[in-house]
Protein backbone atom coordinates (compact mmCIF):
# COMPACT_ATOMS: atom_id res chain seq x y z
CA UNK A 1 0.96 -14.00 8.41
CA UNK A 2 3.83 -12.66 10.53
CA UNK A 3 3.16 -10.09 13.22
CA UNK A 4 4.87 -7.39 11.14
CA UNK A 5 2.73 -8.23 8.11
CA UNK A 6 -0.30 -7.86 10.36
CA UNK A 7 0.96 -4.46 11.57
CA UNK A 8 1.44 -3.27 7.98
CA UNK A 9 -2.07 -4.43 7.17
CA UNK A 10 -3.48 -2.55 10.17
CA UNK A 11 -1.56 0.62 9.26
CA UNK A 12 -2.83 0.40 5.69
CA UNK A 13 -6.42 0.01 6.86
CA UNK A 14 -6.07 3.19 8.93
CA UNK A 15 -4.49 5.15 6.10
CA UNK A 16 -7.05 4.00 3.54
CA UNK A 17 -9.20 6.72 5.10
CA UNK A 18 -6.99 9.18 3.23
CA UNK A 19 -8.23 7.69 -0.05
CA UNK A 20 -11.80 8.76 0.68
CA UNK A 21 -11.16 12.02 -1.15
CA UNK A 22 -12.28 12.15 -4.79
CA UNK A 23 -9.71 11.04 -7.33
CA UNK A 24 -9.24 14.57 -8.72
CA UNK A 25 -9.38 18.05 -7.21
CA UNK A 26 -11.50 19.03 -10.22
CA UNK A 27 -14.09 16.52 -9.07
CA UNK A 28 -13.88 17.91 -5.53
CA UNK A 29 -14.34 21.42 -6.90
CA UNK A 30 -17.43 20.27 -8.80
CA UNK A 31 -18.78 18.57 -5.67
CA UNK A 32 -18.23 21.69 -3.55
CA UNK A 33 -20.00 23.85 -6.17
CA UNK A 34 -22.97 21.45 -6.33
CA UNK A 35 -23.20 21.18 -2.54
CA UNK A 36 -22.88 24.96 -2.14
CA UNK A 37 -25.66 25.43 -4.68
CA UNK A 38 -27.85 23.01 -2.74
CA UNK A 39 -27.05 24.78 0.55
CA UNK A 40 -27.89 28.23 -0.84
CA UNK A 41 -31.09 26.98 -2.47
CA UNK A 42 -32.25 25.21 0.68
CA UNK A 43 -31.45 28.23 2.86
CA UNK A 44 -33.22 30.78 0.63
CA UNK A 45 -36.31 28.73 -0.21
CA UNK A 46 -36.84 26.74 3.01
CA UNK A 47 -35.31 28.97 5.66
CA UNK A 48 -35.83 32.52 4.44
CA UNK A 49 -38.86 31.86 2.20
CA UNK A 50 -37.49 33.99 -0.61
CA UNK A 51 -36.70 33.19 -4.22
CA UNK A 52 -35.96 36.62 -5.66
CA UNK A 53 -32.34 36.60 -4.43
CA UNK A 54 -31.31 33.21 -5.78
CA UNK A 55 -29.92 34.60 -9.05
CA UNK A 56 -27.68 36.99 -7.10
CA UNK A 57 -26.78 34.91 -4.04
CA UNK A 58 -25.99 31.68 -5.86
CA UNK A 59 -23.27 32.98 -8.26
CA UNK A 60 -21.90 35.21 -5.49
CA UNK A 61 -21.63 32.20 -3.13
CA UNK A 62 -19.85 30.12 -5.75
CA UNK A 63 -17.43 32.98 -6.46
CA UNK A 64 -16.77 33.36 -2.72
CA UNK A 65 -16.29 29.58 -2.45
CA UNK A 66 -13.57 29.55 -5.08
CA UNK A 67 -11.95 32.78 -3.89
CA UNK A 68 -11.66 31.55 -0.29
CA UNK A 69 -10.22 28.23 -1.51
CA UNK A 70 -7.45 30.13 -3.27
CA UNK A 71 -6.96 32.30 -0.16
CA UNK A 72 -6.78 29.23 2.11
CA UNK A 73 -4.08 27.67 -0.06
CA UNK A 74 -1.98 30.84 0.11
CA UNK A 75 -2.45 31.41 3.84
CA UNK A 76 -1.63 27.80 4.70
CA UNK A 77 1.07 27.53 2.02
CA UNK A 78 -0.24 24.19 0.81
CA UNK A 79 -1.46 22.60 -2.40
CA UNK A 80 -4.69 23.94 -3.83
CA UNK A 81 -5.89 20.35 -4.38
CA UNK A 82 -5.83 19.63 -0.63
CA UNK A 83 -7.85 22.75 0.10
CA UNK A 84 -10.45 21.84 -2.52
CA UNK A 85 -10.86 18.31 -1.15
CA UNK A 86 -11.28 19.69 2.37
CA UNK A 87 -13.73 22.34 1.17
CA UNK A 88 -15.92 19.71 -0.53
CA UNK A 89 -16.27 17.70 2.68
CA UNK A 90 -16.76 20.80 4.82
CA UNK A 91 -19.51 22.19 2.63
CA UNK A 92 -21.20 18.80 2.58
CA UNK A 93 -21.18 18.84 6.39
CA UNK A 94 -22.80 22.27 6.36
CA UNK A 95 -25.51 21.12 3.93
CA UNK A 96 -26.25 18.04 6.07
CA UNK A 97 -26.62 20.34 9.09
CA UNK A 98 -29.12 22.54 7.25
CA UNK A 99 -31.03 19.54 5.99
CA UNK A 100 -31.14 17.97 9.46
CA UNK A 101 -32.25 21.26 10.96
CA UNK A 102 -35.01 21.66 8.37
CA UNK A 103 -36.37 18.18 9.11
CA UNK A 104 -36.09 18.71 12.89
CA UNK A 105 -37.87 22.09 12.81
CA UNK A 106 -40.82 20.60 10.93
CA UNK A 107 -40.99 17.39 13.00
CA UNK A 108 -41.08 19.36 16.25
CA UNK A 109 -43.06 22.26 14.75
CA UNK A 110 -40.48 24.88 15.73
CA UNK A 111 -39.77 26.86 12.53
CA UNK A 112 -38.40 29.74 14.61
CA UNK A 113 -35.28 27.64 15.24
CA UNK A 114 -34.35 27.41 11.56
CA UNK A 115 -31.82 30.30 11.54
CA UNK A 116 -29.89 28.59 14.34
CA UNK A 117 -29.00 25.66 12.09
CA UNK A 118 -27.41 27.85 9.41
CA UNK A 119 -25.08 29.43 11.95
CA UNK A 120 -24.50 26.14 13.73
CA UNK A 121 -23.53 24.54 10.41
CA UNK A 122 -21.11 27.37 9.80
CA UNK A 123 -19.37 26.72 13.14
CA UNK A 124 -19.39 22.97 12.53
CA UNK A 125 -17.72 23.61 9.15
CA UNK A 126 -15.12 25.80 10.89
CA UNK A 127 -14.38 23.17 13.55
CA UNK A 128 -13.94 20.54 10.83
CA UNK A 129 -11.38 22.84 9.20
CA UNK A 130 -9.41 23.13 12.46
CA UNK A 131 -9.05 19.35 12.66
CA UNK A 132 -7.97 18.94 9.05
CA UNK A 133 -5.70 21.99 8.96
CA UNK A 134 -3.69 20.76 11.94
CA UNK A 135 -3.64 17.01 11.23
CA UNK A 136 -3.30 16.72 7.44
CA UNK A 137 -1.75 20.07 6.50
CA UNK A 138 0.50 20.58 9.49
CA UNK A 139 -0.79 24.04 10.40
CA UNK A 140 -0.18 25.28 13.93
CA UNK A 141 -3.26 25.37 16.11
CA UNK A 142 -3.30 29.15 16.39
CA UNK A 143 -3.05 29.42 12.59
CA UNK A 144 -5.93 26.98 12.18
CA UNK A 145 -8.05 29.06 14.58
CA UNK A 146 -7.21 32.23 12.67
CA UNK A 147 -8.14 30.75 9.29
CA UNK A 148 -10.96 28.33 10.18
CA UNK A 149 -13.84 30.82 9.89
CA UNK A 150 -12.73 32.59 6.70
CA UNK A 151 -14.54 30.42 4.16
CA UNK A 152 -17.65 29.58 6.26
CA UNK A 153 -18.16 33.21 7.34
CA UNK A 154 -17.57 34.62 3.86
CA UNK A 155 -20.11 32.21 2.39
CA UNK A 156 -22.53 33.04 5.22
CA UNK A 157 -22.39 36.71 4.21
CA UNK A 158 -22.81 35.75 0.54
CA UNK A 159 -26.15 33.95 0.80
CA UNK A 160 -27.75 35.03 4.10
CA UNK A 161 -29.84 38.22 3.69
CA UNK A 162 -28.01 41.17 5.23
CA UNK A 163 -30.90 41.94 7.55
CA UNK A 164 -30.35 38.58 9.30
CA UNK A 165 -26.60 38.90 9.85
CA UNK A 166 -26.62 40.57 13.26
CA UNK A 167 -29.55 38.58 14.77
CA UNK A 168 -28.10 35.27 13.65
CA UNK A 169 -24.50 36.00 14.68
CA UNK A 170 -25.45 37.49 18.06
CA UNK A 171 -27.66 34.60 19.19
CA UNK A 172 -26.02 33.45 22.44
CA UNK A 173 -27.39 29.93 22.13
CA UNK A 174 -25.90 29.36 18.68
CA UNK A 175 -22.61 30.99 19.71
CA UNK A 176 -22.51 28.55 22.61
CA UNK A 177 -23.11 25.66 20.25
CA UNK A 178 -20.39 26.93 17.93
CA UNK A 179 -17.83 27.29 20.72
CA UNK A 180 -18.51 23.73 21.85
CA UNK A 181 -17.77 22.43 18.32
CA UNK A 182 -14.63 24.54 18.01
CA UNK A 183 -13.28 23.41 21.39
CA UNK A 184 -14.10 19.76 20.62
CA UNK A 185 -12.05 20.07 17.42
CA UNK A 186 -9.21 21.67 19.37
CA UNK A 187 -9.26 18.98 22.05
CA UNK A 188 -9.26 16.26 19.40
CA UNK A 189 -6.28 17.87 17.69
CA UNK A 190 -4.23 18.00 20.89
CA UNK A 191 -5.10 14.50 22.12
CA UNK A 192 -4.87 12.63 18.82
CA UNK A 193 -1.51 14.21 18.00
CA UNK A 194 -0.11 12.92 21.31
CA UNK A 195 -1.56 9.43 20.96
CA UNK A 196 1.74 8.03 19.69
CA UNK A 197 3.64 8.34 22.96
CA UNK A 198 7.41 8.67 23.01
CA UNK A 199 8.37 5.73 20.74
CA UNK A 200 7.22 7.25 17.46
CA UNK A 201 6.80 10.80 16.12
CA UNK A 202 3.63 12.79 16.68
CA UNK A 203 0.66 11.15 14.99
CA UNK A 204 -0.05 14.16 12.81
CA UNK A 205 3.58 14.32 11.69
CA UNK A 206 3.41 10.73 10.49
CA UNK A 207 0.09 11.43 8.75
CA UNK A 208 1.51 14.48 6.98
CA UNK A 209 4.58 12.52 5.85
CA UNK A 210 2.36 9.73 4.54
CA UNK A 211 0.12 12.18 2.66
CA UNK A 212 3.21 13.83 1.12
CA UNK A 213 4.40 10.44 -0.13
CA UNK A 214 0.94 9.51 -1.38
CA UNK A 215 -0.16 12.76 -3.04
CA UNK A 216 3.17 14.26 -4.15
CA UNK A 217 5.18 11.05 -4.60
CA UNK A 218 7.64 12.60 -2.13
CA UNK A 219 8.82 9.95 0.37
CA UNK A 220 11.59 12.06 1.94
CA UNK A 221 9.72 13.03 5.14
CA UNK A 222 8.48 9.50 5.78
CA UNK A 223 11.87 7.98 5.03
CA UNK A 224 13.56 10.37 7.47
CA UNK A 225 11.14 9.39 10.23
CA UNK A 226 11.63 5.70 9.56
CA UNK A 227 15.38 5.72 9.12
CA UNK A 228 15.87 7.58 12.41
CA UNK A 229 14.18 4.66 14.18
CA UNK A 230 15.72 1.84 12.16
CA UNK A 231 18.43 -0.46 13.42
CA UNK A 232 21.73 -1.51 11.83
CA UNK A 233 21.91 -5.16 10.84
CA UNK A 234 23.58 -7.53 8.41
CA UNK A 235 21.39 -8.93 5.63
CA UNK A 236 22.30 -11.74 3.25
CA UNK A 237 21.63 -12.04 -0.45
CA UNK A 238 22.03 -15.33 -2.30
CA UNK A 239 22.30 -15.71 -6.05
CA UNK A 240 22.69 -18.55 -8.46
CA UNK A 241 24.56 -17.09 -11.40
CA UNK A 242 24.09 -19.07 -14.63
CA UNK A 243 26.80 -18.46 -17.24
CA UNK A 244 26.38 -19.46 -20.84
CA UNK A 245 28.70 -18.76 -23.74
CA UNK A 246 27.08 -15.41 -24.50
CA UNK A 247 24.87 -14.48 -21.55
CA UNK A 248 24.41 -14.45 -17.82
CA UNK A 249 21.22 -14.94 -15.82
CA UNK A 250 20.64 -14.88 -12.06
CA UNK A 251 18.18 -16.37 -9.63
CA UNK A 252 18.23 -13.96 -6.67
CA UNK A 253 16.94 -14.63 -3.15
CA UNK A 254 17.44 -11.47 -1.04
CA UNK A 255 16.71 -11.44 2.67
CA UNK A 256 15.46 -7.85 2.47
CA UNK A 257 11.68 -7.56 2.20
CA UNK A 258 9.85 -5.24 -0.22
CA UNK A 259 7.98 -2.44 1.51
CA UNK A 260 6.67 -1.04 3.67
CA UNK A 261 4.52 0.78 1.08
CA UNK A 262 4.98 2.71 -2.16
CA UNK A 263 6.98 4.90 -2.73
CA UNK A 264 8.85 4.66 0.58
CA UNK A 265 12.19 2.91 1.13
CA UNK A 266 12.59 -0.49 -0.49
CA UNK A 267 9.01 -0.76 -1.77
CA UNK A 268 10.35 -1.27 -5.32
CA UNK A 269 13.49 -3.17 -4.33
CA UNK A 270 12.86 -6.25 -6.57
CA UNK A 271 12.85 -4.15 -9.73
CA UNK A 272 15.87 -2.16 -8.60
CA UNK A 273 17.80 -5.40 -8.08
CA UNK A 274 16.58 -6.65 -11.47
CA UNK A 275 17.68 -3.41 -13.13
CA UNK A 276 21.01 -3.41 -11.26
CA UNK A 277 21.69 -6.92 -12.59
CA UNK A 278 21.28 -5.84 -16.21
CA UNK A 279 17.59 -6.84 -16.53
CA UNK A 280 18.62 -10.50 -16.47
CA UNK A 281 17.37 -11.90 -13.18
CA UNK A 282 14.42 -13.31 -11.31
CA UNK A 283 14.24 -11.63 -7.91
CA UNK A 284 12.38 -13.99 -5.63
CA UNK A 285 10.54 -13.38 -2.36
CA UNK A 286 12.55 -14.96 0.44
CA UNK A 287 11.07 -16.17 3.70
CA UNK A 288 11.21 -12.75 5.37
CA UNK A 289 8.86 -10.14 6.79
CA UNK A 290 8.47 -6.39 7.04
CA UNK A 291 11.02 -6.13 9.85
CA UNK A 292 13.57 -6.40 7.00
CA UNK A 293 12.23 -3.39 5.09
CA UNK A 294 14.86 -0.89 3.97
CA UNK A 295 13.57 2.45 5.31
CA UNK A 296 15.04 4.92 2.80
CA UNK A 297 16.56 5.46 -0.62
CA UNK A 298 20.02 5.87 0.91
CA UNK A 299 19.81 2.40 2.46
CA UNK A 300 18.51 0.97 -0.81
CA UNK A 301 21.46 2.49 -2.68
CA UNK A 302 23.91 1.08 -0.11
CA UNK A 303 22.35 -2.36 -0.49
CA UNK A 304 22.39 -2.32 -4.30
CA UNK A 305 26.03 -1.24 -4.47
CA UNK A 306 27.02 -4.27 -2.39
CA UNK A 307 25.61 -6.82 -4.85
CA UNK A 308 28.73 -6.62 -7.02
CA UNK A 309 30.89 -7.83 -4.11
CA UNK A 310 29.42 -11.31 -3.71
CA UNK A 311 31.64 -14.25 -2.76
CA UNK A 312 31.46 -17.60 -4.55
CA UNK A 313 30.23 -20.52 -2.42
CA UNK A 314 30.16 -23.20 -5.09
CA UNK A 315 30.63 -23.78 -8.82
CA UNK A 316 29.14 -26.52 -10.95
CA UNK A 317 27.61 -27.74 -14.21
CA UNK A 318 25.05 -30.31 -13.07
CA UNK A 319 21.50 -30.16 -11.72
CA UNK A 320 18.85 -32.70 -10.77
CA UNK A 321 15.48 -32.81 -12.44
CA UNK A 322 12.91 -30.75 -10.49
CA UNK A 323 10.89 -32.53 -7.81
CA UNK A 324 7.35 -31.55 -6.83
CA UNK A 325 5.78 -32.75 -3.58
CA UNK A 326 2.18 -32.00 -2.59
CA UNK A 327 0.91 -32.36 0.98
CA UNK A 328 -2.75 -31.33 1.27
CA UNK A 329 -2.79 -27.64 0.17
CA UNK A 330 0.98 -27.27 0.42
CA UNK A 331 3.32 -27.70 -2.54
CA UNK A 332 7.11 -27.66 -2.69
CA UNK A 333 9.08 -27.56 -5.93
CA UNK A 334 12.76 -28.44 -5.48
CA UNK A 335 15.92 -28.36 -7.57
CA UNK A 336 19.47 -29.25 -6.58
CA UNK A 337 22.39 -27.30 -8.07
CA UNK A 338 25.49 -29.03 -6.83
CA UNK A 339 24.91 -29.05 -3.08
CA UNK A 340 22.63 -26.00 -3.09
CA UNK A 341 18.93 -26.81 -3.01
CA UNK A 342 16.27 -24.36 -4.16
CA UNK A 343 12.83 -24.91 -2.63
CA UNK A 344 9.77 -23.01 -3.91
CA UNK A 345 6.87 -23.10 -1.45
CA UNK A 346 3.26 -22.40 -2.36
CA UNK A 347 -0.32 -22.89 -1.20
CA UNK A 348 -1.84 -21.81 -4.53
CA UNK A 349 -4.69 -21.80 -5.45
CA UNK A 350 -5.44 -21.42 -1.75
CA UNK A 351 -4.51 -18.06 -0.26
CA UNK A 352 -1.27 -17.35 1.52
CA UNK A 353 0.60 -14.54 3.22
CA UNK A 354 4.30 -14.46 4.14
CA UNK A 355 5.63 -17.91 5.02
CA UNK A 356 6.46 -17.96 8.78
CA UNK A 357 10.13 -17.59 9.68
CA UNK A 358 10.21 -20.82 11.67
CA UNK A 359 9.66 -22.75 8.41
CA UNK A 360 12.90 -21.32 7.04
CA UNK A 361 14.98 -21.95 10.15
CA UNK A 362 13.74 -25.54 10.50
CA UNK A 363 14.34 -26.35 6.84
CA UNK A 364 17.84 -24.88 6.91
CA UNK A 365 18.73 -27.04 9.89
CA UNK A 366 17.12 -30.08 8.28
CA UNK A 367 19.15 -29.52 5.11
CA UNK A 368 22.37 -29.04 7.03
CA UNK A 369 21.84 -32.31 8.88
CA UNK A 370 21.51 -34.11 5.53
CA UNK A 371 24.64 -32.66 3.97
CA UNK A 372 23.26 -29.85 1.83
CA UNK A 373 25.62 -26.92 1.54
CA UNK A 374 22.84 -24.33 1.30
CA UNK A 375 19.04 -24.31 1.23
CA UNK A 376 17.52 -21.37 -0.66
CA UNK A 377 13.84 -21.10 0.23
CA UNK A 378 11.51 -19.11 -2.02
CA UNK A 379 8.09 -17.93 -0.86
CA UNK A 380 6.25 -18.08 -4.20
CA UNK A 381 3.67 -15.52 -3.00
CA UNK A 382 1.29 -16.51 -5.79
CA UNK A 383 -2.17 -16.52 -4.18
CA UNK A 384 -4.03 -13.89 -2.15
CA UNK A 385 -4.92 -14.88 1.39
CA UNK A 386 -4.91 -14.25 5.09
CA UNK A 387 -2.64 -15.56 7.82
CA UNK A 388 -1.22 -18.99 7.03
CA UNK A 389 -2.73 -21.51 9.41
CA UNK A 390 -0.40 -23.62 11.56
CA UNK A 391 -1.64 -26.76 9.80
CA UNK A 392 -0.75 -25.30 6.39
CA UNK A 393 2.67 -24.16 7.62
CA UNK A 394 3.36 -27.65 8.97
CA UNK A 395 2.27 -29.12 5.63
CA UNK A 396 4.71 -26.81 3.85
CA UNK A 397 7.44 -28.16 6.11
CA UNK A 398 6.45 -31.76 5.43
CA UNK A 399 6.37 -31.18 1.66
CA UNK A 400 9.74 -29.39 1.70
CA UNK A 401 11.45 -32.01 3.88
CA UNK A 402 10.13 -34.80 1.68
CA UNK A 403 11.41 -32.89 -1.34
CA UNK A 404 14.90 -32.62 0.15
CA UNK A 405 14.91 -36.33 0.95
CA UNK A 406 14.03 -37.08 -2.69
CA UNK A 407 16.58 -34.64 -4.14
CA UNK A 408 19.38 -36.45 -2.30
CA UNK A 409 18.60 -39.60 -4.26
CA UNK A 410 18.32 -37.90 -7.66
CA UNK A 411 21.02 -38.12 -10.30
CA UNK A 412 22.48 -34.84 -11.54
CA UNK A 413 22.88 -34.05 -15.24
CA UNK A 414 24.58 -31.33 -17.29
CA UNK A 415 22.41 -28.21 -17.32
CA UNK A 416 21.23 -25.98 -20.13
CA UNK A 417 19.57 -22.66 -19.33
CA UNK A 418 17.50 -20.24 -21.36
CA UNK A 419 16.01 -16.97 -20.14
CA UNK A 420 13.63 -14.39 -21.55
CA UNK A 421 12.17 -11.21 -20.09
CA UNK A 422 9.33 -9.00 -21.25
CA UNK A 423 11.34 -5.86 -21.96
CA UNK A 424 10.40 -6.00 -25.67
CA UNK A 425 6.80 -7.15 -25.27
CA UNK A 426 5.42 -3.66 -24.50
CA UNK A 427 3.17 -4.98 -21.74
CA UNK A 428 0.93 -2.33 -20.21
CA UNK A 429 -0.50 -3.63 -16.94
CA UNK A 430 -1.05 -1.62 -13.77
CA UNK A 431 -1.14 -4.82 -11.70
CA UNK A 432 2.54 -5.42 -12.51
CA UNK A 433 5.66 -3.65 -11.34
CA UNK A 434 8.17 -2.23 -13.84
CA UNK A 435 10.00 -5.58 -14.08
CA UNK A 436 6.85 -7.09 -15.68
CA UNK A 437 7.27 -10.85 -16.26
CA UNK A 438 10.06 -13.32 -16.99
CA UNK A 439 10.64 -16.97 -17.83
CA UNK A 440 13.45 -19.43 -17.19
CA UNK A 441 13.87 -22.66 -19.18
CA UNK A 442 15.92 -25.56 -17.76
CA UNK A 443 16.93 -28.46 -20.00
CA UNK A 444 18.02 -31.45 -17.94
CA UNK A 445 18.66 -34.88 -19.49
CA UNK A 446 16.70 -33.82 -22.61
CA UNK A 447 13.64 -32.73 -20.62
CA UNK A 448 12.55 -29.11 -20.46
CA UNK A 449 11.11 -27.37 -17.41
CA UNK A 450 9.94 -23.77 -17.07
CA UNK A 451 9.79 -21.39 -14.14
CA UNK A 452 7.78 -18.16 -14.42
CA UNK A 453 8.23 -14.86 -12.57
CA UNK A 454 6.16 -11.71 -12.12
CA UNK A 455 7.23 -8.41 -10.61
CA UNK A 456 4.00 -7.99 -8.68
CA UNK A 457 2.47 -7.96 -5.22
CA UNK A 458 0.96 -11.43 -5.13
CA UNK A 459 -1.51 -12.97 -7.63
CA UNK A 460 -5.19 -13.60 -8.03
CA UNK A 461 -6.16 -16.98 -6.63
CA UNK A 462 -6.26 -19.54 -9.43
CA UNK A 463 -4.32 -17.45 -11.95
CA UNK A 464 -1.24 -19.62 -11.51
CA UNK A 465 -3.28 -22.77 -12.28
CA UNK A 466 -4.88 -21.18 -15.35
CA UNK A 467 -1.46 -20.27 -16.78
CA UNK A 468 0.02 -23.70 -16.00
CA UNK A 469 -2.92 -25.37 -17.72
CA UNK A 470 -2.71 -23.09 -20.76
CA UNK A 471 1.02 -23.70 -21.26
CA UNK A 472 0.58 -27.44 -20.71
CA UNK A 473 -1.77 -27.56 -23.71
CA UNK A 474 1.10 -26.16 -25.79
CA UNK A 475 3.53 -28.73 -24.43
CA UNK A 476 5.32 -26.58 -21.85
CA UNK A 477 5.88 -27.94 -18.34
CA UNK A 478 5.55 -24.87 -16.10
CA UNK A 479 6.78 -25.76 -12.62
CA UNK A 480 5.48 -22.65 -10.91
CA UNK A 481 5.11 -18.89 -11.09
CA UNK A 482 6.65 -16.76 -8.36
CA UNK A 483 6.02 -13.09 -7.66
CA UNK A 484 8.53 -10.63 -6.28
CA UNK A 485 6.01 -9.22 -3.75
CA UNK A 486 6.88 -5.78 -5.06
CA UNK A 487 5.11 -2.96 -3.20
CA UNK A 488 5.35 -0.70 -6.24
CA UNK A 489 2.11 0.88 -7.45
CA UNK A 490 1.71 2.00 -11.04
CA UNK A 491 -1.28 4.09 -9.98
CA UNK A 492 -3.42 4.69 -6.95
CA UNK A 493 -5.47 1.68 -5.91
CA UNK A 494 -8.69 2.63 -4.13
CA UNK A 495 -9.41 -0.77 -2.65
CA UNK A 496 -8.99 -2.51 0.69
CA UNK A 497 -5.52 -3.78 -0.27
CA UNK A 498 -4.04 -0.47 -1.40
CA UNK A 499 -2.53 -2.15 -4.47
CA UNK A 500 -3.49 -4.22 -7.52
CA UNK A 501 -2.43 -7.85 -7.24
CA UNK A 502 -1.48 -9.62 -10.48
CA UNK A 503 -4.62 -10.75 -12.25
CA UNK A 504 -6.90 -8.16 -10.67
CA UNK A 505 -6.65 -6.03 -13.84
CA UNK A 506 -4.97 -8.26 -16.43
CA UNK A 507 -7.07 -10.92 -18.16
CA UNK A 508 -5.90 -14.51 -17.62
CA UNK A 509 -5.87 -15.36 -21.35
CA UNK A 510 -3.69 -12.35 -22.09
CA UNK A 511 -1.36 -13.21 -19.20
CA UNK A 512 -1.08 -16.81 -20.43
CA UNK A 513 -0.12 -15.50 -23.87
CA UNK A 514 2.68 -13.44 -22.33
CA UNK A 515 4.13 -16.48 -20.59
CA UNK A 516 3.73 -18.67 -23.68
CA UNK A 517 5.64 -16.07 -25.69
CA UNK A 518 8.42 -16.00 -23.09
CA UNK A 519 8.50 -19.79 -22.83
CA UNK A 520 9.19 -20.00 -26.56
CA UNK A 521 11.89 -17.31 -26.37
CA UNK A 522 13.60 -18.88 -23.35
CA UNK A 523 13.53 -22.25 -25.12
CA UNK A 524 15.21 -20.71 -28.15
CA UNK A 525 17.90 -19.24 -25.87
CA UNK A 526 18.89 -22.59 -24.35
CA UNK A 527 22.63 -23.03 -24.01
CA UNK A 528 25.00 -25.23 -21.96
CA UNK A 529 25.54 -23.58 -18.61
CA UNK A 530 27.83 -23.47 -15.64
CA UNK A 531 26.59 -21.96 -12.40
CA UNK A 532 28.02 -20.21 -9.37
CA UNK A 533 26.30 -19.98 -6.02
CA UNK A 534 26.99 -16.49 -4.62
CA UNK A 535 26.51 -14.94 -1.20
CA UNK A 536 26.76 -11.33 -0.08
CA UNK A 537 26.30 -9.87 3.39
CA UNK A 538 25.51 -6.16 3.62
CA UNK A 539 25.44 -3.79 6.59
CA UNK A 540 22.29 -1.69 6.28
CA UNK A 541 19.57 -0.22 8.44
CA UNK A 542 16.28 -2.12 8.50
CA UNK A 543 13.01 -1.14 10.12
CA UNK A 544 13.22 -3.90 12.72
CA UNK A 545 10.44 -5.80 14.48
CA UNK A 546 9.14 -3.00 16.73
CA UNK A 547 8.90 0.10 14.54
CA UNK A 548 5.85 -0.99 12.56
CA UNK A 549 4.24 -2.30 15.73
CA UNK A 550 4.70 1.10 17.38
CA UNK A 551 3.19 2.90 14.36
CA UNK A 552 0.27 0.49 14.36
CA UNK A 553 -0.43 0.91 18.07
CA UNK A 554 -0.21 4.69 17.92
CA UNK A 555 -2.67 4.79 15.02
CA UNK A 556 -5.01 2.48 16.91
CA UNK A 557 -4.93 4.84 19.90
CA UNK A 558 -5.49 7.86 17.64
CA UNK A 559 -8.41 6.09 15.98
CA UNK A 560 -10.02 5.28 19.34
CA UNK A 561 -9.69 8.94 20.34
CA UNK A 562 -11.18 10.00 17.01
CA UNK A 563 -14.08 7.57 17.35
CA UNK A 564 -14.80 8.90 20.86
CA UNK A 565 -14.85 12.50 19.66
CA UNK A 566 -17.00 11.61 16.65
CA UNK A 567 -19.55 9.94 18.91
CA UNK A 568 -19.50 12.88 21.32
CA UNK A 569 -19.78 15.49 18.56
CA UNK A 570 -22.59 13.58 16.84
CA UNK A 571 -24.47 13.21 20.14
CA UNK A 572 -24.16 16.94 20.83
CA UNK A 573 -25.26 17.76 17.27
CA UNK A 574 -28.36 15.57 17.64
CA UNK A 575 -29.07 17.28 20.97
CA UNK A 576 -29.06 20.68 19.21
CA UNK A 577 -31.56 19.34 16.67
CA UNK A 578 -33.88 18.18 19.42
């Protein structure tokens, strides 16, 4: 795994905390009503030893709960769904405080302390609101202070007997406890927001931009932040354009990398290239990393518009038969079109992340020394895994070099090409991007070979082998299946990856049937072919090697600050119980 891939992984792990909210604000509303009901019941029966007010206090508290949620949304000018999620967690915190206080009072035989815990829970709820209002919703600190007590205090008045209002709210000890919680929340807000330093925006600003992209599918704020810190560079895109009598098909190897995460920047760039090329292309994952992410839609549009201005490197009609070389876990599939070699690297069924950049640079030099005009290296990205070990990377190099040495000796033959995509198959799969799947058939010296493609972010380990085996039983020689490494998400993925890799939702037998269908169609579409090797260089802004590292480090610092405050707040809370 490259350092930038590691940074993206670390950022994702931090931001997965934002997925802890329930999947729907209706569910959060139900949770807050249930928790409020439990809080009111516990307070009236266990704290105030009364049951004759439950039928009045409970509906009143629920009405106040909903009314203050609506009021919060209007005062803070934010989505009602955010307020409801926050309210559910805040009320749960209040209930836990009451429950802890009830247990503590009975363990230490001090029932006279019970009222303190109701008021303390109210202040703890209010301090929680300060932190969330400022960090997630972007409220100013003074606004958060002005609004933080509205819902907790209104609910306090709804279920606490009126005769206890003044004694409970004038208790100096509990007021002291409450002020400590409020000032801890304020200190956390100030320190965590400044954890980023000068190289990236304020931590809370980044968080708010991320939440806007995640909850409202609005990437504009995040893209603005990223593009401001991106650097101009020149990126290359290589294509092999296959021309038959009636159709065209392209094998595309762009140096831009999908990402950083949906729906920001070039997260869906493989499909956009595919669409831009008339839905007749396989957009492969090059040996690249997240430093080559396009940060915004404007940069994506600039890149796509340049694809029509490619220059021709080579033309030809002949191709060698594919060569496959296996070295331990590493596999390299190679084809030679004229003097342009295509190498597809894989560790499947063993896991893999992005192929290290040194593999590409060394293979390009190796190919140049042996007279190849161009080496196009494809990272098949077809098995889930961690960082590629040095031994495995070296084995990929050995397999690829051996493949090139063999290709030099191979005889070239006239080429026939057939292509089929899944646009008419009506595939519904949330572990695929909008490009779905595709298949390429190569007929060389009366032998047929197939290459599969999926617009997805990686594949389940072993899925590639299951599909290859299934097609082999039907007489189809499937060389490999490559994914685009798309960072598109059809729907929210509440897992440690933040996305659904191909095969995590789709059944292998169904997937194999898709590819068998496409293999038959691509075979039917076979036609004599000429090819052109194309190259295009585009001036765009990319995120660069340091931007993601800076985001990752700032989030790490903010998390350490948060952990410190959580430990301190929890310790103080336990002290109040004792």
